Amino acid sequence: RCYQDWELRLRRCIAAEGNYFE
């Protein structure tokens, strides 16, 4: 998941998952 490096790929996670904070 994006939780691995959310600090560096926070934007990528949101774009990939679509709802990272959800």
PDB file of N, CA and C in Angstrom:
ATOM      1  N   ARG A   1       0.828  -1.214   0.000  1.00  0.00           N
ATOM      2  CA  ARG A   1       0.000   0.000   0.000  1.00  0.00           C
ATOM      3  C   ARG A   1       0.856   1.256   0.000  1.00  0.00           C
ATOM      4  N   CYS A   2       0.189   2.365   0.164  1.00  0.00           N
ATOM      5  CA  CYS A   2       0.913   3.634   0.172  1.00  0.00           C
ATOM      6  C   CYS A   2       1.480   3.940   1.546  1.00  0.00           C
ATOM      7  N   TYR A   3       1.088   3.157   2.520  1.00  0.00           N
ATOM      8  CA  TYR A   3       1.528   3.431   3.886  1.00  0.00           C
ATOM      9  C   TYR A   3       3.027   3.207   4.064  1.00  0.00           C
ATOM     10  N   GLN A   4       3.651   2.567   3.086  1.00  0.00           N
ATOM     11  CA  GLN A   4       5.083   2.288   3.186  1.00  0.00           C
ATOM     12  C   GLN A   4       5.889   3.582   3.173  1.00  0.00           C
ATOM     13  N   ASP A   5       5.652   4.416   2.178  1.00  0.00           N
ATOM     14  CA  ASP A   5       6.412   5.675   2.078  1.00  0.00           C
ATOM     15  C   ASP A   5       5.465   6.826   1.777  1.00  0.00           C
ATOM     16  N   TRP A   6       4.435   6.949   2.576  1.00  0.00           N
ATOM     17  CA  TRP A   6       3.446   8.003   2.352  1.00  0.00           C
ATOM     18  C   TRP A   6       4.105   9.379   2.437  1.00  0.00           C
ATOM     19  N   GLU A   7       5.202   9.458   3.155  1.00  0.00           N
ATOM     20  CA  GLU A   7       5.902  10.734   3.293  1.00  0.00           C
ATOM     21  C   GLU A   7       6.482  11.192   1.959  1.00  0.00           C
ATOM     22  N   LEU A   8       6.987  10.239   1.179  1.00  0.00           N
ATOM     23  CA  LEU A   8       7.623  10.585  -0.090  1.00  0.00           C
ATOM     24  C   LEU A   8       6.655  10.469  -1.257  1.00  0.00           C
ATOM     25  N   ARG A   9       5.724   9.524  -1.153  1.00  0.00           N
ATOM     26  CA  ARG A   9       4.803   9.310  -2.281  1.00  0.00           C
ATOM     27  C   ARG A   9       3.364   9.595  -1.879  1.00  0.00           C
ATOM     28  N   LEU A  10       3.186  10.627  -1.073  1.00  0.00           N
ATOM     29  CA  LEU A  10       1.844  10.964  -0.606  1.00  0.00           C
ATOM     30  C   LEU A  10       0.940  11.298  -1.791  1.00  0.00           C
ATOM     31  N   ARG A  11       1.451  12.121  -2.688  1.00  0.00           N
ATOM     32  CA  ARG A  11       0.653  12.519  -3.859  1.00  0.00           C
ATOM     33  C   ARG A  11       0.376  11.336  -4.764  1.00  0.00           C
ATOM     34  N   ARG A  12       1.369  10.477  -4.944  1.00  0.00           N
ATOM     35  CA  ARG A  12       1.199   9.321  -5.824  1.00  0.00           C
ATOM     36  C   ARG A  12       0.135   8.379  -5.271  1.00  0.00           C
ATOM     37  N   CYS A  13       0.114   8.236  -3.968  1.00  0.00           N
ATOM     38  CA  CYS A  13      -0.856   7.346  -3.340  1.00  0.00           C
ATOM     39  C   CYS A  13      -2.267   7.856  -3.592  1.00  0.00           C
ATOM     40  N   ILE A  14      -2.461   9.135  -3.425  1.00  0.00           N
ATOM     41  CA  ILE A  14      -3.778   9.733  -3.615  1.00  0.00           C
ATOM     42  C   ILE A  14      -4.237   9.539  -5.055  1.00  0.00           C
ATOM     43  N   ALA A  15      -3.298   9.649  -5.989  1.00  0.00           N
ATOM     44  CA  ALA A  15      -3.630   9.510  -7.400  1.00  0.00           C
ATOM     45  C   ALA A  15      -3.874   8.042  -7.747  1.00  0.00           C
ATOM     46  N   ALA A  16      -3.146   7.156  -7.095  1.00  0.00           N
ATOM     47  CA  ALA A  16      -3.269   5.733  -7.380  1.00  0.00           C
ATOM     48  C   ALA A  16      -4.499   5.147  -6.690  1.00  0.00           C
ATOM     49  N   GLU A  17      -4.584   5.347  -5.394  1.00  0.00           N
ATOM     50  CA  GLU A  17      -5.707   4.805  -4.631  1.00  0.00           C
ATOM     51  C   GLU A  17      -6.979   5.582  -4.930  1.00  0.00           C
ATOM     52  N   GLY A  18      -6.850   6.912  -5.007  1.00  0.00           N
ATOM     53  CA  GLY A  18      -8.024   7.732  -5.274  1.00  0.00           C
ATOM     54  C   GLY A  18      -8.605   8.252  -3.971  1.00  0.00           C
ATOM     55  N   ASN A  19      -8.434   7.489  -2.917  1.00  0.00           N
ATOM     56  CA  ASN A  19      -8.959   7.900  -1.603  1.00  0.00           C
ATOM     57  C   ASN A  19      -8.020   7.380  -0.517  1.00  0.00           C
ATOM     58  N   TYR A  20      -6.820   7.910  -0.512  1.00  0.00           N
ATOM     59  CA  TYR A  20      -5.795   7.455   0.438  1.00  0.00           C
ATOM     60  C   TYR A  20      -6.246   7.667   1.878  1.00  0.00           C
ATOM     61  N   PHE A  21      -6.871   8.810   2.122  1.00  0.00           N
ATOM     62  CA  PHE A  21      -7.290   9.130   3.482  1.00  0.00           C
ATOM     63  C   PHE A  21      -8.588   8.420   3.863  1.00  0.00           C
ATOM     64  N   GLU A  22      -9.216   7.771   2.896  1.00  0.00           N
ATOM     65  CA  GLU A  22     -10.465   7.084   3.189  1.00  0.00           C
ATOM     66  C   GLU A  22     -10.116   5.697   3.705  1.00  0.00           C
TER      67      GLU A  22
END
